[in-house]
C-alpha cells in the first residue's frame, strides 16, 4: 500500500470514528432531554369577568283553556273555553312591567295570552315572575289548569299529552318578541322521531300565538314527546291536554316546557289525592325519553319529608328516540318527588289523575331545573298551593321563602338529599333564596276536582357574570 493510500484510509477512518462519536453523543443527549425535566413557565391566560348589558325581562303566558271542534261546521276550529287569570309582580321598588296581549292566529280564542316586558333598572335586569290559572266546566272540556309564564326559548321539550281517541291536545306557540320565529316540531313516538308535514316551518309572527292540534302531528300516538326548535326568534311553547271519555270531560291541564335533556331529572311536587283501587287502576305515570342514545334509567319515588324511597323501579330500558311510560302503583295519598337517573341525557314528566269519571282532573308535572340564587316565582288563584323543595347536596341547606308584598319570610331547613314542603298563598309573588347550595323546587296545587303543578325556574335576573378571554 502506498503512503497516499494509507493516508486516505486513516483520514476516512478518523472521520467515521468522529461521526460515530457525534451520533452517540446526540443519542445520549436526546435520551437525557426526554428523562430530565425541563424548566417550565406557567402563565395564566388573560381573562376579564364581565356582566353583559342588561336586557328587558320577557315572559309569555299560556293563555286560557281552548277547545277544538266545538263548532260543528269547523271540525278543526279552535275556540276559547275560558280566560286565564294571571298574577304577576316584581321586587319592591322595581318599575312595573309593560303588559300586552298576543294575537291568536286563525282562531276564535278571543283575548290572547298575556305578555310582560320589564325594563332593566340601575344597570341590572329586573326580576319578574307571573303565573296563571283557568277553571272550566263545559260539555266538551272540564278541569283546572295552572302554569307559570315563561321566557321564550330557542329549544324546548314538551312531555305530556296524547293523540288517541278522546284526547284533544294542542301545541301552543307564543312569540312575544319583535322578530318572526320559524318553528319546527319534532314528534318522538313509537316509531322514533319524525318531523310531520304540519310541524315544518311554522312561522310565528311577532306578538302572536299559533296553535297546532297534536292529532294533526302524531295521530294515534299514546305517549308522544314534542321537541320545539325555533330560529329567528325564541318562542314560548306549551301543551294543552284535555280528555273526554264516553262523552264526559275528565280533566284538563297546561304542560310547560323542559329546557334540555339531562342524565338526572327531578320532578318535584307530584300530588296523589287518591290511591289506586286496583292493579289496573294506575293513576300515576312517568314518561321518559332518551332522545339520541339507548339508555337504562332508575325511577325513584320518595314522599316529601321522608328519607326512605316509597317506590323504586330499576333498570328501565330506554330505546333512543322512543318514549317509554312507567306506571307507579301502590302510592298512598300525599306529596312525592320523582327522581330519574339515566346513563344518557333524558327528558321526563309525570302524570297524575284524581280519577276517571266526570268531575275528576289530572295534571302533568315537568322536571325542575336547579335554582342557584335568589329569584321570584308566582302563585295564581285557584286551588291550594304547596312549594316542594328538593336538596340534592350532601349537606343541609336553609332556604328562605319570602312573600314579596307582605314582607314575611319563612326559613326552611332541607336535609341533605331530602325534601321539605311550604304552604303558599294564592295570588302571591314569592322570592326563593337557596342560600349556600342549589335546590330544586315545584309548585303543587290541588283542591276539589282540581289538580295542577309546575316547576320553579331560576331567575334570568340572577344570571352570573361571564368570563371573557381576549
Protein backbone atom coordinates (compact mmCIF):
# COMPACT_ATOMS: atom_id res chain seq x y z
CA UNK A 1 0.00 0.00 0.00
CA UNK A 2 1.36 3.39 -0.95
CA UNK A 3 1.79 6.19 1.53
CA UNK A 4 -1.00 8.25 -0.08
CA UNK A 5 -3.50 5.37 0.14
CA UNK A 6 -2.56 4.74 3.78
CA UNK A 7 -3.18 8.42 4.48
CA UNK A 8 -6.58 8.42 2.78
CA UNK A 9 -7.62 5.27 4.73
CA UNK A 10 -6.54 6.81 8.02
CA UNK A 11 -8.38 10.07 7.29
CA UNK A 12 -11.55 8.23 6.34
CA UNK A 13 -11.36 6.10 9.49
CA UNK A 14 -10.89 9.19 11.61
CA UNK A 15 -13.95 10.81 10.05
CA UNK A 16 -16.05 7.65 10.61
CA UNK A 17 -14.91 7.47 14.23
CA UNK A 18 -15.72 11.14 14.77
CA UNK A 19 -19.15 10.72 13.17
CA UNK A 20 -19.89 7.71 15.35
CA UNK A 21 -18.91 9.62 18.48
CA UNK A 22 -21.09 12.60 17.50
CA UNK A 23 -24.10 10.31 16.85
CA UNK A 24 -23.62 8.58 20.19
CA UNK A 25 -23.40 11.90 22.00
CA UNK A 26 -26.61 13.07 20.21
CA UNK A 27 -28.47 9.93 21.27
CA UNK A 28 -27.34 10.29 24.89
CA UNK A 29 -28.36 13.97 24.86
CA UNK A 30 -31.79 13.16 23.42
CA UNK A 31 -32.43 10.44 25.99
CA UNK A 32 -31.33 12.74 28.77
CA UNK A 33 -33.56 15.54 27.49
CA UNK A 34 -36.56 13.23 27.49
CA UNK A 35 -35.99 11.93 31.02
CA UNK A 36 -34.76 15.08 32.75
CA UNK A 37 -37.49 17.68 33.43
CA UNK A 38 -37.01 20.96 31.62
CA UNK A 39 -37.67 24.26 33.34
CA UNK A 40 -41.25 25.43 32.73
CA UNK A 41 -43.10 28.72 32.96
CA UNK A 42 -46.83 28.71 33.63
CA UNK A 43 -48.77 31.74 32.55
CA UNK A 44 -52.44 32.22 33.29
CA UNK A 45 -54.43 33.43 30.26
CA UNK A 46 -55.67 36.97 30.48
CA UNK A 47 -59.37 36.97 31.41
CA UNK A 48 -61.98 39.57 32.21
CA UNK A 49 -65.14 38.96 34.22
CA UNK A 50 -67.93 40.93 32.58
CA UNK A 51 -71.65 41.32 33.06
CA UNK A 52 -73.47 41.65 29.73
CA UNK A 53 -75.57 44.74 29.19
CA UNK A 54 -78.93 44.05 30.80
CA UNK A 55 -81.90 43.32 28.59
CA UNK A 56 -85.58 43.55 29.32
CA UNK A 57 -87.14 40.58 31.13
CA UNK A 58 -89.78 38.99 28.89
CA UNK A 59 -92.45 36.49 29.93
CA UNK A 60 -95.26 34.96 27.90
CA UNK A 61 -98.24 33.20 29.46
CA UNK A 62 -100.09 30.21 28.05
CA UNK A 63 -103.49 31.90 27.95
CA UNK A 64 -106.89 30.45 28.75
CA UNK A 65 -108.04 26.91 28.04
CA UNK A 66 -109.19 26.27 24.47
CA UNK A 67 -111.40 23.80 22.65
CA UNK A 68 -111.18 22.22 19.22
CA UNK A 69 -114.14 21.32 17.00
CA UNK A 70 -116.78 22.99 19.16
CA UNK A 71 -118.30 24.48 16.02
CA UNK A 72 -119.97 21.64 14.08
CA UNK A 73 -119.23 23.40 10.79
CA UNK A 74 -115.49 23.57 11.53
CA UNK A 75 -114.06 20.31 12.91
CA UNK A 76 -110.59 21.82 13.31
CA UNK A 77 -111.70 25.21 14.56
CA UNK A 78 -110.10 26.32 17.84
CA UNK A 79 -112.06 28.49 20.23
CA UNK A 80 -111.94 29.88 23.74
CA UNK A 81 -113.20 27.79 26.66
CA UNK A 82 -112.27 30.19 29.46
CA UNK A 83 -109.93 33.07 30.22
CA UNK A 84 -106.73 32.78 32.22
CA UNK A 85 -106.39 34.73 35.48
CA UNK A 86 -102.78 35.91 35.79
CA UNK A 87 -100.88 37.21 38.81
CA UNK A 88 -97.53 38.91 38.22
CA UNK A 89 -95.06 41.01 40.14
CA UNK A 90 -91.58 42.43 40.57
CA UNK A 91 -89.45 43.23 43.59
CA UNK A 92 -90.37 46.21 45.74
CA UNK A 93 -89.19 49.42 44.12
CA UNK A 94 -88.73 47.92 40.64
CA UNK A 95 -90.61 49.51 37.70
CA UNK A 96 -93.89 47.89 36.74
CA UNK A 97 -93.71 45.73 33.59
CA UNK A 98 -95.41 46.65 30.34
CA UNK A 99 -98.44 44.48 29.57
CA UNK A 100 -99.65 43.42 26.14
CA UNK A 101 -101.85 40.74 24.62
CA UNK A 102 -100.59 38.36 21.97
CA UNK A 103 -102.83 38.00 18.94
CA UNK A 104 -104.19 34.48 18.31
CA UNK A 105 -103.74 33.45 14.67
CA UNK A 106 -106.62 31.84 12.76
CA UNK A 107 -108.60 31.03 15.92
CA UNK A 108 -111.67 32.27 17.70
CA UNK A 109 -109.88 32.36 21.02
CA UNK A 110 -110.79 35.98 21.63
CA UNK A 111 -108.47 37.59 24.16
CA UNK A 112 -104.93 36.36 23.58
CA UNK A 113 -102.41 35.37 26.25
CA UNK A 114 -100.67 37.98 28.36
CA UNK A 115 -97.07 39.04 27.65
CA UNK A 116 -94.99 41.05 30.12
CA UNK A 117 -91.86 43.10 29.50
CA UNK A 118 -89.88 44.62 32.40
CA UNK A 119 -87.15 47.13 31.57
CA UNK A 120 -83.78 46.91 33.35
CA UNK A 121 -83.16 49.21 36.30
CA UNK A 122 -79.90 50.67 37.54
CA UNK A 123 -77.82 48.65 35.11
CA UNK A 124 -79.37 45.36 36.24
CA UNK A 125 -82.03 43.11 34.81
CA UNK A 126 -85.42 43.33 36.52
CA UNK A 127 -86.61 40.15 38.21
CA UNK A 128 -90.14 39.34 37.03
CA UNK A 129 -92.50 36.45 37.80
CA UNK A 130 -96.00 35.54 36.66
CA UNK A 131 -98.36 32.57 36.68
CA UNK A 132 -101.93 31.96 35.54
CA UNK A 133 -104.80 29.59 36.17
CA UNK A 134 -108.02 28.57 34.44
CA UNK A 135 -111.09 26.65 35.60
CA UNK A 136 -113.75 25.37 33.23
CA UNK A 137 -116.76 23.04 33.42
CA UNK A 138 -118.33 22.65 29.99
CA UNK A 139 -119.78 19.82 27.96
CA UNK A 140 -116.59 19.34 25.95
CA UNK A 141 -113.86 20.34 28.41
CA UNK A 142 -113.62 20.45 32.20
CA UNK A 143 -110.82 20.81 34.70
CA UNK A 144 -108.34 23.12 36.40
CA UNK A 145 -105.06 24.25 34.84
CA UNK A 146 -102.22 26.32 36.26
CA UNK A 147 -98.93 27.26 34.62
CA UNK A 148 -96.06 29.67 35.06
CA UNK A 149 -95.45 32.37 32.47
CA UNK A 150 -92.06 31.61 30.92
CA UNK A 151 -89.36 33.37 28.91
CA UNK A 152 -89.24 32.27 25.27
CA UNK A 153 -86.66 29.62 24.29
CA UNK A 154 -84.95 28.56 21.07
CA UNK A 155 -85.18 24.89 22.06
CA UNK A 156 -87.68 23.23 24.39
CA UNK A 157 -89.31 19.85 25.06
CA UNK A 158 -92.96 19.11 25.82
CA UNK A 159 -93.50 15.86 27.74
CA UNK A 160 -97.18 15.03 28.08
CA UNK A 161 -100.47 14.57 26.31
CA UNK A 162 -101.68 12.04 23.76
CA UNK A 163 -103.16 11.89 20.27
CA UNK A 164 -105.53 9.00 20.85
CA UNK A 165 -109.33 8.84 20.84
CA UNK A 166 -110.81 11.22 23.39
CA UNK A 167 -107.74 13.47 23.61
CA UNK A 168 -107.97 16.99 22.20
CA UNK A 169 -104.43 18.19 22.85
CA UNK A 170 -102.92 21.36 21.41
CA UNK A 171 -99.33 22.56 20.92
CA UNK A 172 -99.31 26.28 21.73
CA UNK A 173 -96.56 28.57 20.39
CA UNK A 174 -96.24 32.20 21.52
CA UNK A 175 -93.83 34.81 20.19
CA UNK A 176 -93.67 37.85 22.49
CA UNK A 177 -90.71 39.34 20.59
CA UNK A 178 -90.41 41.77 17.70
CA UNK A 179 -88.94 39.36 15.11
CA UNK A 180 -90.72 36.48 13.38
CA UNK A 181 -89.86 32.95 14.51
CA UNK A 182 -89.72 29.85 12.31
CA UNK A 183 -90.54 26.74 14.31
CA UNK A 184 -90.00 23.04 13.69
CA UNK A 185 -91.87 20.41 15.70
CA UNK A 186 -90.18 17.03 16.04
CA UNK A 187 -92.51 14.35 17.41
CA UNK A 188 -91.00 11.37 19.24
CA UNK A 189 -93.33 8.39 19.17
CA UNK A 190 -93.44 4.62 18.85
CA UNK A 191 -91.56 4.76 15.53
CA UNK A 192 -88.93 7.21 16.76
CA UNK A 193 -88.51 10.89 15.88
CA UNK A 194 -90.35 12.36 12.89
CA UNK A 195 -90.97 15.83 11.56
CA UNK A 196 -94.55 15.69 10.26
CA UNK A 197 -95.70 17.90 7.42
CA UNK A 198 -97.71 20.03 9.84
CA UNK A 199 -94.65 20.59 12.01
CA UNK A 200 -92.30 22.07 9.42
CA UNK A 201 -91.51 25.76 9.04
CA UNK A 202 -94.31 27.12 11.20
CA UNK A 203 -93.99 30.89 11.06
CA UNK A 204 -94.99 32.61 14.31
CA UNK A 205 -95.19 36.33 13.67
CA UNK A 206 -94.04 38.74 16.39
CA UNK A 207 -96.69 39.43 19.01
CA UNK A 208 -98.81 36.42 18.01
CA UNK A 209 -99.82 32.94 19.18
CA UNK A 210 -100.08 29.85 16.97
CA UNK A 211 -101.99 26.70 17.94
CA UNK A 212 -101.33 23.30 16.32
CA UNK A 213 -103.55 20.26 17.11
CA UNK A 214 -101.38 17.39 18.35
CA UNK A 215 -103.53 14.87 16.48
CA UNK A 216 -102.50 16.56 13.24
CA UNK A 217 -98.88 15.85 14.10
CA UNK A 218 -99.00 12.39 15.68
CA UNK A 219 -102.40 10.78 15.23
CA UNK A 220 -102.75 7.68 17.39
CA UNK A 221 -99.62 8.24 19.49
CA UNK A 222 -100.27 7.26 23.11
CA UNK A 223 -97.18 8.83 24.72
CA UNK A 224 -95.61 11.46 22.47
CA UNK A 225 -92.84 13.91 23.30
CA UNK A 226 -92.55 17.05 21.18
CA UNK A 227 -89.34 18.97 20.63
CA UNK A 228 -89.83 22.61 19.67
CA UNK A 229 -86.92 24.18 17.78
CA UNK A 230 -87.09 27.83 16.79
CA UNK A 231 -84.93 30.03 14.58
CA UNK A 232 -85.09 33.77 14.03
CA UNK A 233 -86.58 34.37 17.48
CA UNK A 234 -87.30 32.27 20.59
CA UNK A 235 -90.85 31.12 21.36
CA UNK A 236 -92.72 30.13 24.49
CA UNK A 237 -94.02 26.60 23.93
CA UNK A 238 -96.66 24.76 25.93
CA UNK A 239 -99.06 21.86 25.54
CA UNK A 240 -102.74 21.95 26.45
CA UNK A 241 -104.05 18.49 27.32
CA UNK A 242 -107.71 17.56 27.77
CA UNK A 243 -109.56 14.24 27.74
CA UNK A 244 -113.17 13.18 27.13
CA UNK A 245 -114.34 9.63 27.83
CA UNK A 246 -117.80 8.37 26.97
CA UNK A 247 -118.80 11.98 26.23
CA UNK A 248 -117.69 13.08 29.72
CA UNK A 249 -114.79 15.53 30.05
CA UNK A 250 -112.47 14.36 32.84
CA UNK A 251 -109.65 16.83 33.13
CA UNK A 252 -107.50 19.49 31.50
CA UNK A 253 -104.02 20.84 32.03
CA UNK A 254 -101.35 23.10 30.54
CA UNK A 255 -97.92 21.48 30.27
CA UNK A 256 -94.86 23.70 30.45
CA UNK A 257 -91.55 23.14 28.63
CA UNK A 258 -88.34 21.42 29.67
CA UNK A 259 -85.28 23.38 28.59
CA UNK A 260 -82.90 20.48 27.89
CA UNK A 261 -82.30 16.76 28.46
CA UNK A 262 -80.12 15.71 31.40
CA UNK A 263 -78.90 12.45 32.93
CA UNK A 264 -80.71 13.31 36.18
CA UNK A 265 -84.25 14.68 36.15
CA UNK A 266 -86.18 15.58 39.32
CA UNK A 267 -89.94 16.13 39.31
CA UNK A 268 -90.97 17.94 42.49
CA UNK A 269 -94.45 18.06 43.95
CA UNK A 270 -96.43 15.22 42.40
CA UNK A 271 -99.61 15.07 44.47
CA UNK A 272 -101.52 11.82 44.93
CA UNK A 273 -105.01 12.68 46.18
CA UNK A 274 -106.48 9.22 45.82
CA UNK A 275 -104.69 5.87 45.93
CA UNK A 276 -105.25 3.45 43.08
CA UNK A 277 -108.05 0.99 43.72
CA UNK A 278 -106.62 -1.94 41.74
CA UNK A 279 -103.65 -3.01 39.64
CA UNK A 280 -105.49 -1.84 36.51
CA UNK A 281 -106.32 1.50 38.10
CA UNK A 282 -102.92 3.15 37.69
CA UNK A 283 -103.20 6.84 38.48
CA UNK A 284 -99.53 7.83 38.34
CA UNK A 285 -97.28 7.51 35.29
CA UNK A 286 -93.78 8.69 34.41
CA UNK A 287 -92.97 9.31 30.76
CA UNK A 288 -89.30 9.08 29.75
CA UNK A 289 -87.38 9.77 26.56
CA UNK A 290 -83.71 9.32 25.75
CA UNK A 291 -83.60 11.42 22.57
CA UNK A 292 -80.39 10.20 20.95
CA UNK A 293 -78.79 7.27 22.83
CA UNK A 294 -80.04 3.93 24.15
CA UNK A 295 -80.02 4.05 27.92
CA UNK A 296 -81.16 2.48 31.16
CA UNK A 297 -82.90 4.51 33.84
CA UNK A 298 -83.83 4.16 37.50
CA UNK A 299 -87.03 5.80 38.76
CA UNK A 300 -87.16 6.57 42.48
CA UNK A 301 -90.29 7.94 44.17
CA UNK A 302 -89.98 9.46 47.65
CA UNK A 303 -92.67 11.01 49.84
CA UNK A 304 -91.95 14.63 50.71
CA UNK A 305 -90.40 14.85 54.16
CA UNK A 306 -89.37 11.18 54.17
CA UNK A 307 -85.91 9.70 53.67
CA UNK A 308 -86.74 6.18 52.52
CA UNK A 309 -87.98 5.64 48.98
CA UNK A 310 -91.68 4.83 48.70
CA UNK A 311 -91.11 3.11 45.36
CA UNK A 312 -88.07 2.36 43.23
CA UNK A 313 -88.07 0.91 39.75
CA UNK A 314 -84.64 -0.02 38.46
CA UNK A 315 -83.34 -0.92 35.02
CA UNK A 316 -85.97 0.77 32.87
CA UNK A 317 -84.72 0.23 29.30
CA UNK A 318 -84.91 3.26 27.02
CA UNK A 319 -84.57 2.92 23.25
CA UNK A 320 -83.14 6.03 21.60
CA UNK A 321 -85.88 8.31 20.29
CA UNK A 322 -88.79 6.21 21.59
CA UNK A 323 -90.81 7.39 24.65
CA UNK A 324 -91.38 4.92 27.48
CA UNK A 325 -94.01 5.05 30.23
CA UNK A 326 -93.69 3.53 33.70
CA UNK A 327 -96.74 3.01 35.90
CA UNK A 328 -96.33 3.84 39.59
CA UNK A 329 -98.84 1.93 41.68
CA UNK A 330 -99.17 1.48 45.41
CA UNK A 331 -98.65 5.15 46.32
CA UNK A 332 -100.63 6.42 49.30
CA UNK A 333 -102.12 9.91 49.43
CA UNK A 334 -99.51 12.63 49.75
CA UNK A 335 -96.83 14.69 48.03
CA UNK A 336 -93.97 12.98 46.21
CA UNK A 337 -90.73 13.67 44.43
CA UNK A 338 -89.83 11.58 41.39
CA UNK A 339 -86.15 11.23 40.50
CA UNK A 340 -84.88 9.74 37.25
CA UNK A 341 -81.24 8.64 36.98
CA UNK A 342 -80.19 7.59 33.50
CA UNK A 343 -77.00 6.62 31.71
CA UNK A 344 -77.65 9.22 28.97
CA UNK A 345 -79.49 12.57 28.86
CA UNK A 346 -83.27 12.18 29.10
CA UNK A 347 -86.42 14.26 29.47
CA UNK A 348 -89.16 13.23 31.88
CA UNK A 349 -92.64 14.15 33.02
CA UNK A 350 -95.14 12.69 35.49
CA UNK A 351 -98.90 12.33 35.07
CA UNK A 352 -101.34 12.06 37.97
CA UNK A 353 -105.13 11.88 38.00
CA UNK A 354 -107.75 12.08 40.72
CA UNK A 355 -109.90 9.53 38.88
CA UNK A 356 -111.56 8.58 35.62
CA UNK A 357 -115.09 9.96 35.93
CA UNK A 358 -116.85 13.28 35.47
CA UNK A 359 -115.62 15.82 38.00
CA UNK A 360 -112.09 14.38 38.14
CA UNK A 361 -108.97 16.17 36.97
CA UNK A 362 -105.37 15.35 36.03
CA UNK A 363 -102.01 17.11 35.93
CA UNK A 364 -98.73 16.80 34.07
CA UNK A 365 -95.66 17.68 36.15
CA UNK A 366 -92.45 18.76 34.41
CA UNK A 367 -88.95 18.29 35.80
CA UNK A 368 -87.38 21.12 37.79
CA UNK A 369 -84.12 22.92 36.96
CA UNK A 370 -81.67 23.93 39.70
CA UNK A 371 -82.24 27.26 41.46
CA UNK A 372 -78.80 28.56 42.44
CA UNK A 373 -79.55 32.11 43.58
CA UNK A 374 -82.45 34.24 44.78
CA UNK A 375 -85.33 34.71 42.34
CA UNK A 376 -89.08 35.23 42.11
CA UNK A 377 -91.97 32.88 41.38
CA UNK A 378 -95.74 33.41 41.32
CA UNK A 379 -98.74 31.51 42.67
CA UNK A 380 -102.04 32.09 40.81
CA UNK A 381 -105.61 31.95 42.08
CA UNK A 382 -107.47 28.68 42.43
CA UNK A 383 -106.64 25.53 44.36
CA UNK A 384 -104.48 25.31 47.48
CA UNK A 385 -100.77 25.57 46.72
CA UNK A 386 -97.64 24.00 48.25
CA UNK A 387 -93.98 24.59 47.43
CA UNK A 388 -91.89 21.41 47.41
CA UNK A 389 -88.13 21.86 47.93
CA UNK A 390 -85.53 19.24 46.97
CA UNK A 391 -81.94 19.37 48.21
CA UNK A 392 -79.62 17.27 46.00
CA UNK A 393 -76.50 18.23 48.01
CA UNK A 394 -74.75 16.23 50.70
CA UNK A 395 -75.24 18.92 53.34
CA UNK A 396 -78.43 20.51 54.76
CA UNK A 397 -79.45 23.87 53.31
CA UNK A 398 -81.50 26.74 54.69
CA UNK A 399 -83.96 28.07 52.11
CA UNK A 400 -85.69 31.42 52.65
CA UNK A 401 -89.17 31.79 51.12
CA UNK A 402 -90.49 35.37 51.25
CA UNK A 403 -93.90 36.75 50.29
CA UNK A 404 -92.74 39.89 48.48
CA UNK A 405 -95.63 42.28 49.11
CA UNK A 406 -96.25 41.00 52.64
CA UNK A 407 -92.53 41.06 53.54
CA UNK A 408 -92.95 37.85 55.52
CA UNK A 409 -90.16 35.28 55.38
CA UNK A 410 -90.12 31.62 56.30
CA UNK A 411 -86.78 29.81 56.55
CA UNK A 412 -86.98 26.10 55.80
CA UNK A 413 -84.26 23.59 56.60
CA UNK A 414 -83.99 20.95 53.87
CA UNK A 415 -81.92 17.92 54.90
CA UNK A 416 -79.09 16.56 52.78
CA UNK A 417 -80.57 14.65 49.86
CA UNK A 418 -84.04 15.32 51.30
CA UNK A 419 -87.19 17.32 50.73
CA UNK A 420 -89.46 19.79 52.51
CA UNK A 421 -92.81 21.49 51.87
CA UNK A 422 -94.03 25.05 52.40
CA UNK A 423 -97.69 26.14 52.30
CA UNK A 424 -98.25 29.04 49.89
CA UNK A 425 -100.87 31.76 49.49
CA UNK A 426 -102.75 32.16 46.23
CA UNK A 427 -102.37 35.32 44.12
CA UNK A 428 -98.95 35.99 45.69
CA UNK A 429 -95.42 36.68 44.44
CA UNK A 430 -92.64 34.92 46.35
CA UNK A 431 -88.87 35.11 46.46
CA UNK A 432 -86.92 31.88 46.91
CA UNK A 433 -83.34 32.16 48.16
CA UNK A 434 -81.47 28.81 48.34
CA UNK A 435 -78.57 30.29 50.27
CA UNK A 436 -75.39 28.23 50.13
CA UNK A 437 -76.34 25.45 47.68
CA UNK A 438 -78.66 24.93 44.70
CA UNK A 439 -82.12 23.46 45.26
CA UNK A 440 -84.93 22.25 43.03
CA UNK A 441 -88.50 23.37 43.58
CA UNK A 442 -92.03 22.86 42.28
CA UNK A 443 -95.45 24.35 42.97
CA UNK A 444 -98.20 21.78 43.52
CA UNK A 445 -101.88 22.84 43.52
CA UNK A 446 -104.89 20.71 44.45
CA UNK A 447 -108.50 21.02 45.50
CA UNK A 448 -111.93 19.52 44.93
CA UNK A 449 -111.75 18.27 41.35
CA UNK A 450 -108.61 20.34 40.71
CA UNK A 451 -105.01 19.27 40.19
CA UNK A 452 -102.03 21.16 38.70
CA UNK A 453 -98.35 21.82 39.18
CA UNK A 454 -95.33 23.49 37.61
CA UNK A 455 -91.59 23.77 38.36
CA UNK A 456 -89.88 26.87 39.73
CA UNK A 457 -87.28 28.12 37.26
CA UNK A 458 -84.17 30.12 38.12
CA UNK A 459 -84.46 33.84 37.62
CA UNK A 460 -82.99 35.41 34.47
CA UNK A 461 -82.10 38.42 36.59
CA UNK A 462 -79.87 36.21 38.73
CA UNK A 463 -77.67 35.14 35.79
CA UNK A 464 -73.96 35.29 36.78
CA UNK A 465 -71.22 37.28 35.06
CA UNK A 466 -69.43 35.66 32.12
CA UNK A 467 -65.67 35.26 31.76
CA UNK A 468 -64.13 36.67 28.56
CA UNK A 469 -60.68 35.62 27.26
CA UNK A 470 -59.41 38.39 24.94
